[in-house]
Amino acid sequence: MIDIFYTSFREPLPKEIYSELLSLLPKDLQERNERFLRWQDKHANLFGKLLLIEALKYHNINNNLNKLILYGEHKRPFLTLPSYDFNISHSGEYAMCAIGQNVRVGVDIEKKQQRNFENFDNTMNSKQWDHITTSEDPVKTFYKYWTIKESVSKADGRGFYIPYAELEVKDATVQYEGKLWFLNEINLAEDYSVTMATNKLSSFKLHKLNFKNN
């Protein structure tokens, strides 16, 4: 079972609540958060870390982020606890964190909006582009593929170092370099696309949090 904690925000938090929540992070993460210029980016980054703290609490894990998080060769964060894995994603007014035990997990959320597909030419193969451009809703189909590829690359740990065009999707799975990734499409909101990828067939449970009221 993968637990997915998420929150949404449409406006800045009151300053006193924002400061109180920011103080829950280690000093270096506080400083890193304040380097963002837009309030939306500051909030998304902060909420991602707070969701991880809540996810760790839910699993009865000490939530000292400085001691628990390491970074892999391609800057992908890992927990020092070998049996757990987590992944954070945010887009638009949503932030989410997925956590699971004895599994590798990647999650990606994207707000659907009009795109110039030419800028993403090398991310899809010809069959996928045919499917996108001939579908009834090309934008929706594009983001479905995009969140699949993003979630798989994040679960793998190499991100954009993986050639996205080589990621074939078949029967809710992606196979790449001998590894099979299982996909879950998550219906969170009409104008968002969300996909979770795991290296084991896994179910998931959503947990909605409201930091403004809590």
C-alpha atoms as a PDB file:
ATOM      1  CA  MET A   1       0.000   0.000   0.000  1.00  0.00           C
ATOM      2  CA  ILE A   2       1.272   3.453  -0.966  1.00  0.00           C
ATOM      3  CA  ASP A   3       0.084   6.380   1.140  1.00  0.00           C
ATOM      4  CA  ILE A   4      -0.288   9.619  -0.808  1.00  0.00           C
ATOM      5  CA  PHE A   5      -0.592  12.784   1.247  1.00  0.00           C
ATOM      6  CA  TYR A   6      -1.713  15.907  -0.593  1.00  0.00           C
ATOM      7  CA  THR A   7      -2.845  19.460  -0.044  1.00  0.00           C
ATOM      8  CA  SER A   8      -4.099  22.351  -2.138  1.00  0.00           C
ATOM      9  CA  PHE A   9      -3.723  26.119  -1.959  1.00  0.00           C
ATOM     10  CA  ARG A  10      -5.118  28.977  -4.007  1.00  0.00           C
ATOM     11  CA  GLU A  11      -3.810  31.951  -2.065  1.00  0.00           C
ATOM     12  CA  PRO A  12      -0.921  32.704   0.284  1.00  0.00           C
ATOM     13  CA  LEU A  13      -1.200  31.585   3.880  1.00  0.00           C
ATOM     14  CA  PRO A  14      -1.487  34.305   6.510  1.00  0.00           C
ATOM     15  CA  LYS A  15       2.054  35.396   7.395  1.00  0.00           C
ATOM     16  CA  GLU A  16       1.936  34.099  10.964  1.00  0.00           C
ATOM     17  CA  ILE A  17       0.769  30.642   9.851  1.00  0.00           C
ATOM     18  CA  TYR A  18       3.338  30.539   7.055  1.00  0.00           C
ATOM     19  CA  SER A  19       6.150  31.461   9.467  1.00  0.00           C
ATOM     20  CA  GLU A  20       4.988  28.895  11.996  1.00  0.00           C
ATOM     21  CA  LEU A  21       4.891  26.129   9.387  1.00  0.00           C
ATOM     22  CA  LEU A  22       8.242  27.160   7.910  1.00  0.00           C
ATOM     23  CA  SER A  23       9.819  26.900  11.364  1.00  0.00           C
ATOM     24  CA  LEU A  24       9.022  23.172  11.355  1.00  0.00           C
ATOM     25  CA  LEU A  25      11.704  22.617   8.704  1.00  0.00           C
ATOM     26  CA  PRO A  26      15.445  22.352   9.412  1.00  0.00           C
ATOM     27  CA  LYS A  27      17.292  25.657   9.008  1.00  0.00           C
ATOM     28  CA  ASP A  28      18.918  24.740   5.698  1.00  0.00           C
ATOM     29  CA  LEU A  29      15.563  23.779   4.193  1.00  0.00           C
ATOM     30  CA  GLN A  30      14.048  27.015   5.501  1.00  0.00           C
ATOM     31  CA  GLU A  31      16.796  29.002   3.788  1.00  0.00           C
ATOM     32  CA  ARG A  32      16.410  27.020   0.569  1.00  0.00           C
ATOM     33  CA  ASN A  33      12.661  27.609   0.619  1.00  0.00           C
ATOM     34  CA  GLU A  34      13.081  31.370   0.959  1.00  0.00           C
ATOM     35  CA  ARG A  35      15.239  31.514  -2.174  1.00  0.00           C
ATOM     36  CA  PHE A  36      12.152  31.042  -4.308  1.00  0.00           C
ATOM     37  CA  LEU A  37      10.828  34.338  -5.637  1.00  0.00           C
ATOM     38  CA  ARG A  38       7.136  33.543  -6.230  1.00  0.00           C
ATOM     39  CA  TRP A  39       4.890  32.865  -3.254  1.00  0.00           C
ATOM     40  CA  GLN A  40       3.412  29.926  -5.170  1.00  0.00           C
ATOM     41  CA  ASP A  41       6.825  28.262  -5.420  1.00  0.00           C
ATOM     42  CA  LYS A  42       7.599  28.935  -1.760  1.00  0.00           C
ATOM     43  CA  HIS A  43       4.315  27.404  -0.689  1.00  0.00           C
ATOM     44  CA  ALA A  44       4.597  24.394  -3.000  1.00  0.00           C
ATOM     45  CA  ASN A  45       8.100  23.611  -1.763  1.00  0.00           C
ATOM     46  CA  LEU A  46       7.129  24.109   1.881  1.00  0.00           C
ATOM     47  CA  PHE A  47       4.010  21.961   1.587  1.00  0.00           C
ATOM     48  CA  GLY A  48       5.954  19.188  -0.108  1.00  0.00           C
ATOM     49  CA  LYS A  49       8.311  18.971   2.876  1.00  0.00           C
ATOM     50  CA  LEU A  50       5.466  19.237   5.391  1.00  0.00           C
ATOM     51  CA  LEU A  51       3.611  16.442   3.631  1.00  0.00           C
ATOM     52  CA  LEU A  52       6.729  14.296   3.949  1.00  0.00           C
ATOM     53  CA  ILE A  53       6.882  15.067   7.685  1.00  0.00           C
ATOM     54  CA  GLU A  54       3.236  14.045   8.056  1.00  0.00           C
ATOM     55  CA  ALA A  55       3.835  10.896   6.006  1.00  0.00           C
ATOM     56  CA  LEU A  56       6.736   9.929   8.273  1.00  0.00           C
ATOM     57  CA  LYS A  57       4.603  10.548  11.369  1.00  0.00           C
ATOM     58  CA  TYR A  58       1.867   8.372   9.911  1.00  0.00           C
ATOM     59  CA  HIS A  59       4.384   5.543   9.607  1.00  0.00           C
ATOM     60  CA  ASN A  60       5.761   6.207  13.108  1.00  0.00           C
ATOM     61  CA  ILE A  61       9.125   7.325  11.767  1.00  0.00           C
ATOM     62  CA  ASN A  62      11.226  10.027  13.417  1.00  0.00           C
ATOM     63  CA  ASN A  63      10.759  13.055  11.185  1.00  0.00           C
ATOM     64  CA  ASN A  64      14.205  14.651  11.481  1.00  0.00           C
ATOM     65  CA  LEU A  65      14.621  15.416   7.773  1.00  0.00           C
ATOM     66  CA  ASN A  66      18.316  16.313   8.044  1.00  0.00           C
ATOM     67  CA  LYS A  67      19.161  12.836   9.307  1.00  0.00           C
ATOM     68  CA  LEU A  68      16.670  10.932   7.177  1.00  0.00           C
ATOM     69  CA  ILE A  69      17.265  12.236   3.647  1.00  0.00           C
ATOM     70  CA  LEU A  70      20.168  11.418   1.358  1.00  0.00           C
ATOM     71  CA  TYR A  71      20.589  12.296  -2.312  1.00  0.00           C
ATOM     72  CA  GLY A  72      21.487   9.871  -5.077  1.00  0.00           C
ATOM     73  CA  GLU A  73      23.830  10.355  -8.002  1.00  0.00           C
ATOM     74  CA  HIS A  74      21.157  12.232  -9.957  1.00  0.00           C
ATOM     75  CA  LYS A  75      19.961  14.358  -6.996  1.00  0.00           C
ATOM     76  CA  ARG A  76      16.978  12.108  -6.286  1.00  0.00           C
ATOM     77  CA  PRO A  77      16.193  12.175  -2.532  1.00  0.00           C
ATOM     78  CA  PHE A  78      16.068   8.897  -0.599  1.00  0.00           C
ATOM     79  CA  LEU A  79      15.334   7.986   2.992  1.00  0.00           C
ATOM     80  CA  THR A  80      18.204   6.542   5.026  1.00  0.00           C
ATOM     81  CA  LEU A  81      15.731   3.859   6.089  1.00  0.00           C
ATOM     82  CA  PRO A  82      16.333   1.195   3.416  1.00  0.00           C
ATOM     83  CA  SER A  83      12.835  -0.292   3.590  1.00  0.00           C
ATOM     84  CA  TYR A  84      11.011   2.985   2.814  1.00  0.00           C
ATOM     85  CA  ASP A  85      10.840   5.181  -0.259  1.00  0.00           C
ATOM     86  CA  PHE A  86       9.086   8.486  -0.923  1.00  0.00           C
ATOM     87  CA  ASN A  87       8.550  10.946  -3.737  1.00  0.00           C
ATOM     88  CA  ILE A  88       7.236  14.511  -3.853  1.00  0.00           C
ATOM     89  CA  SER A  89       5.534  16.369  -6.691  1.00  0.00           C
ATOM     90  CA  HIS A  90       3.708  19.668  -7.056  1.00  0.00           C
ATOM     91  CA  SER A  91       2.007  21.642  -9.792  1.00  0.00           C
ATOM     92  CA  GLY A  92      -0.439  24.521  -9.827  1.00  0.00           C
ATOM     93  CA  GLU A  93      -2.330  24.567  -6.546  1.00  0.00           C
ATOM     94  CA  TYR A  94      -1.473  21.003  -5.473  1.00  0.00           C
ATOM     95  CA  ALA A  95       1.443  19.388  -3.655  1.00  0.00           C
ATOM     96  CA  MET A  96       1.709  15.691  -2.856  1.00  0.00           C
ATOM     97  CA  CYS A  97       4.011  13.158  -1.256  1.00  0.00           C
ATOM     98  CA  ALA A  98       3.869   9.386  -1.787  1.00  0.00           C
ATOM     99  CA  ILE A  99       5.479   6.988   0.687  1.00  0.00           C
ATOM    100  CA  GLY A 100       5.678   3.207   0.785  1.00  0.00           C
ATOM    101  CA  GLN A 101       7.561   0.322   2.358  1.00  0.00           C
ATOM    102  CA  ASN A 102       9.600  -2.269   0.446  1.00  0.00           C
ATOM    103  CA  VAL A 103       8.806  -0.552  -2.849  1.00  0.00           C
ATOM    104  CA  ARG A 104      10.244   2.107  -5.169  1.00  0.00           C
ATOM    105  CA  VAL A 105       7.750   4.853  -5.904  1.00  0.00           C
ATOM    106  CA  GLY A 106       7.518   7.867  -8.172  1.00  0.00           C
ATOM    107  CA  VAL A 107       4.592  10.265  -8.426  1.00  0.00           C
ATOM    108  CA  ASP A 108       3.943  13.165 -10.763  1.00  0.00           C
ATOM    109  CA  ILE A 109       1.163  15.745 -10.878  1.00  0.00           C
ATOM    110  CA  GLU A 110       0.770  18.248 -13.700  1.00  0.00           C
ATOM    111  CA  LYS A 111      -1.786  20.977 -14.293  1.00  0.00           C
ATOM    112  CA  LYS A 112      -3.138  20.482 -17.805  1.00  0.00           C
ATOM    113  CA  GLN A 113      -2.634  23.482 -20.064  1.00  0.00           C
ATOM    114  CA  GLN A 114      -2.088  24.202 -23.729  1.00  0.00           C
ATOM    115  CA  ARG A 115       1.450  23.367 -24.830  1.00  0.00           C
ATOM    116  CA  ASN A 116       3.551  23.726 -27.942  1.00  0.00           C
ATOM    117  CA  PHE A 117       4.145  20.048 -28.558  1.00  0.00           C
ATOM    118  CA  GLU A 118       7.192  20.828 -30.700  1.00  0.00           C
ATOM    119  CA  ASN A 119       9.073  21.711 -27.515  1.00  0.00           C
ATOM    120  CA  PHE A 120       8.587  18.108 -26.349  1.00  0.00           C
ATOM    121  CA  ASP A 121       9.386  16.430 -29.657  1.00  0.00           C
ATOM    122  CA  ASN A 122      12.016  14.040 -28.261  1.00  0.00           C
ATOM    123  CA  THR A 123       9.964  12.931 -25.248  1.00  0.00           C
ATOM    124  CA  MET A 124       7.507  10.718 -27.148  1.00  0.00           C
ATOM    125  CA  ASN A 125       7.952   8.127 -29.877  1.00  0.00           C
ATOM    126  CA  SER A 126       6.041   8.323 -33.170  1.00  0.00           C
ATOM    127  CA  LYS A 127       3.296   5.960 -32.010  1.00  0.00           C
ATOM    128  CA  GLN A 128       2.689   8.047 -28.893  1.00  0.00           C
ATOM    129  CA  TRP A 129       2.602  11.282 -30.881  1.00  0.00           C
ATOM    130  CA  ASP A 130       0.061   9.728 -33.263  1.00  0.00           C
ATOM    131  CA  HIS A 131      -2.083   8.787 -30.278  1.00  0.00           C
ATOM    132  CA  ILE A 132      -1.787  12.301 -28.823  1.00  0.00           C
ATOM    133  CA  THR A 133      -2.512  14.271 -31.982  1.00  0.00           C
ATOM    134  CA  THR A 134      -5.427  12.102 -33.143  1.00  0.00           C
ATOM    135  CA  SER A 135      -7.154  11.812 -29.770  1.00  0.00           C
ATOM    136  CA  GLU A 136     -10.317  13.752 -28.919  1.00  0.00           C
ATOM    137  CA  ASP A 137      -8.386  15.697 -26.267  1.00  0.00           C
ATOM    138  CA  PRO A 138      -4.702  15.994 -27.273  1.00  0.00           C
ATOM    139  CA  VAL A 139      -3.764  18.005 -24.172  1.00  0.00           C
ATOM    140  CA  LYS A 140      -5.260  15.417 -21.825  1.00  0.00           C
ATOM    141  CA  THR A 141      -3.565  12.556 -23.693  1.00  0.00           C
ATOM    142  CA  PHE A 142      -0.236  14.370 -23.737  1.00  0.00           C
ATOM    143  CA  TYR A 143      -0.277  14.894 -19.969  1.00  0.00           C
ATOM    144  CA  LYS A 144      -1.274  11.304 -19.365  1.00  0.00           C
ATOM    145  CA  TYR A 145       1.866  10.171 -21.191  1.00  0.00           C
ATOM    146  CA  TRP A 146       3.960  12.925 -19.598  1.00  0.00           C
ATOM    147  CA  THR A 147       3.030  12.067 -16.002  1.00  0.00           C
ATOM    148  CA  ILE A 148       3.624   8.385 -16.738  1.00  0.00           C
ATOM    149  CA  LYS A 149       7.139   9.083 -18.004  1.00  0.00           C
ATOM    150  CA  GLU A 150       7.873  11.515 -15.190  1.00  0.00           C
ATOM    151  CA  SER A 151       6.680   9.123 -12.482  1.00  0.00           C
ATOM    152  CA  VAL A 152       8.708   6.245 -13.924  1.00  0.00           C
ATOM    153  CA  SER A 153      11.858   8.347 -14.248  1.00  0.00           C
ATOM    154  CA  LYS A 154      11.451   9.578 -10.669  1.00  0.00           C
ATOM    155  CA  ALA A 155      10.875   6.079  -9.316  1.00  0.00           C
ATOM    156  CA  ASP A 156      13.938   4.876 -11.227  1.00  0.00           C
ATOM    157  CA  GLY A 157      15.946   7.767  -9.781  1.00  0.00           C
ATOM    158  CA  ARG A 158      17.591   9.052 -12.953  1.00  0.00           C
ATOM    159  CA  GLY A 159      15.002  11.598 -14.037  1.00  0.00           C
ATOM    160  CA  PHE A 160      15.734  13.185 -17.414  1.00  0.00           C
ATOM    161  CA  TYR A 161      18.842  11.037 -17.797  1.00  0.00           C
ATOM    162  CA  ILE A 162      16.405   8.412 -19.074  1.00  0.00           C
ATOM    163  CA  PRO A 163      15.453   8.922 -22.757  1.00  0.00           C
ATOM    164  CA  TYR A 164      11.724   9.506 -22.413  1.00  0.00           C
ATOM    165  CA  ALA A 165      10.939   8.461 -25.984  1.00  0.00           C
ATOM    166  CA  GLU A 166      12.122   4.935 -25.146  1.00  0.00           C
ATOM    167  CA  LEU A 167       9.548   4.498 -22.394  1.00  0.00           C
ATOM    168  CA  GLU A 168       6.782   2.374 -23.906  1.00  0.00           C
ATOM    169  CA  VAL A 169       3.425   2.153 -22.156  1.00  0.00           C
ATOM    170  CA  LYS A 170       1.539  -1.146 -22.315  1.00  0.00           C
ATOM    171  CA  ASP A 171      -1.356  -2.387 -20.161  1.00  0.00           C
ATOM    172  CA  ALA A 172      -0.668   0.110 -17.332  1.00  0.00           C
ATOM    173  CA  THR A 173       3.022  -0.808 -17.207  1.00  0.00           C
ATOM    174  CA  VAL A 174       6.320   0.514 -18.511  1.00  0.00           C
ATOM    175  CA  GLN A 175       9.274  -1.753 -19.157  1.00  0.00           C
ATOM    176  CA  TYR A 176      12.731  -0.233 -19.411  1.00  0.00           C
ATOM    177  CA  GLU A 177      16.155  -1.849 -19.167  1.00  0.00           C
ATOM    178  CA  GLY A 178      14.674  -5.093 -17.916  1.00  0.00           C
ATOM    179  CA  LYS A 179      12.654  -3.454 -15.130  1.00  0.00           C
ATOM    180  CA  LEU A 180       8.870  -3.416 -15.042  1.00  0.00           C
ATOM    181  CA  TRP A 181       7.063  -0.433 -13.572  1.00  0.00           C
ATOM    182  CA  PHE A 182       3.392  -0.580 -12.603  1.00  0.00           C
ATOM    183  CA  LEU A 183       1.218   2.492 -13.171  1.00  0.00           C
ATOM    184  CA  ASN A 184      -1.712   3.944 -11.239  1.00  0.00           C
ATOM    185  CA  GLU A 185      -3.680   6.840 -12.666  1.00  0.00           C
ATOM    186  CA  ILE A 186      -5.013   9.014  -9.840  1.00  0.00           C
ATOM    187  CA  ASN A 187      -8.149  11.092 -10.378  1.00  0.00           C
ATOM    188  CA  LEU A 188      -7.524  14.071  -8.132  1.00  0.00           C
ATOM    189  CA  ALA A 189      -9.017  17.005 -10.047  1.00  0.00           C
ATOM    190  CA  GLU A 190     -10.474  17.496 -13.530  1.00  0.00           C
ATOM    191  CA  ASP A 191      -7.759  19.859 -14.787  1.00  0.00           C
ATOM    192  CA  TYR A 192      -4.829  17.846 -13.406  1.00  0.00           C
ATOM    193  CA  SER A 193      -3.114  14.653 -14.488  1.00  0.00           C
ATOM    194  CA  VAL A 194      -1.558  12.429 -11.810  1.00  0.00           C
ATOM    195  CA  THR A 195       0.306   9.143 -12.173  1.00  0.00           C
ATOM    196  CA  MET A 196       2.090   6.927  -9.650  1.00  0.00           C
ATOM    197  CA  ALA A 197       4.719   4.377 -10.720  1.00  0.00           C
ATOM    198  CA  THR A 198       5.993   1.528  -8.544  1.00  0.00           C
ATOM    199  CA  ASN A 199       8.277  -1.447  -9.073  1.00  0.00           C
ATOM    200  CA  LYS A 200       5.652  -3.696  -7.472  1.00  0.00           C
ATOM    201  CA  LEU A 201       1.937  -3.908  -8.125  1.00  0.00           C
ATOM    202  CA  SER A 202       0.589  -1.576  -5.436  1.00  0.00           C
ATOM    203  CA  SER A 203      -2.657  -0.003  -4.331  1.00  0.00           C
ATOM    204  CA  PHE A 204      -2.770   3.477  -2.836  1.00  0.00           C
ATOM    205  CA  LYS A 205      -4.653   5.517  -0.263  1.00  0.00           C
ATOM    206  CA  LEU A 206      -5.144   9.284  -0.460  1.00  0.00           C
ATOM    207  CA  HIS A 207      -4.815  11.499   2.623  1.00  0.00           C
ATOM    208  CA  LYS A 208      -5.907  15.138   2.249  1.00  0.00           C
ATOM    209  CA  LEU A 209      -4.366  17.700   4.612  1.00  0.00           C
ATOM    210  CA  ASN A 210      -5.268  21.344   5.223  1.00  0.00           C
ATOM    211  CA  PHE A 211      -2.329  23.192   6.705  1.00  0.00           C
ATOM    212  CA  LYS A 212      -4.225  26.464   7.012  1.00  0.00           C
ATOM    213  CA  ASN A 213      -6.678  24.973   9.501  1.00  0.00           C
ATOM    214  CA  ASN A 214      -4.259  22.585  11.221  1.00  0.00           C
END
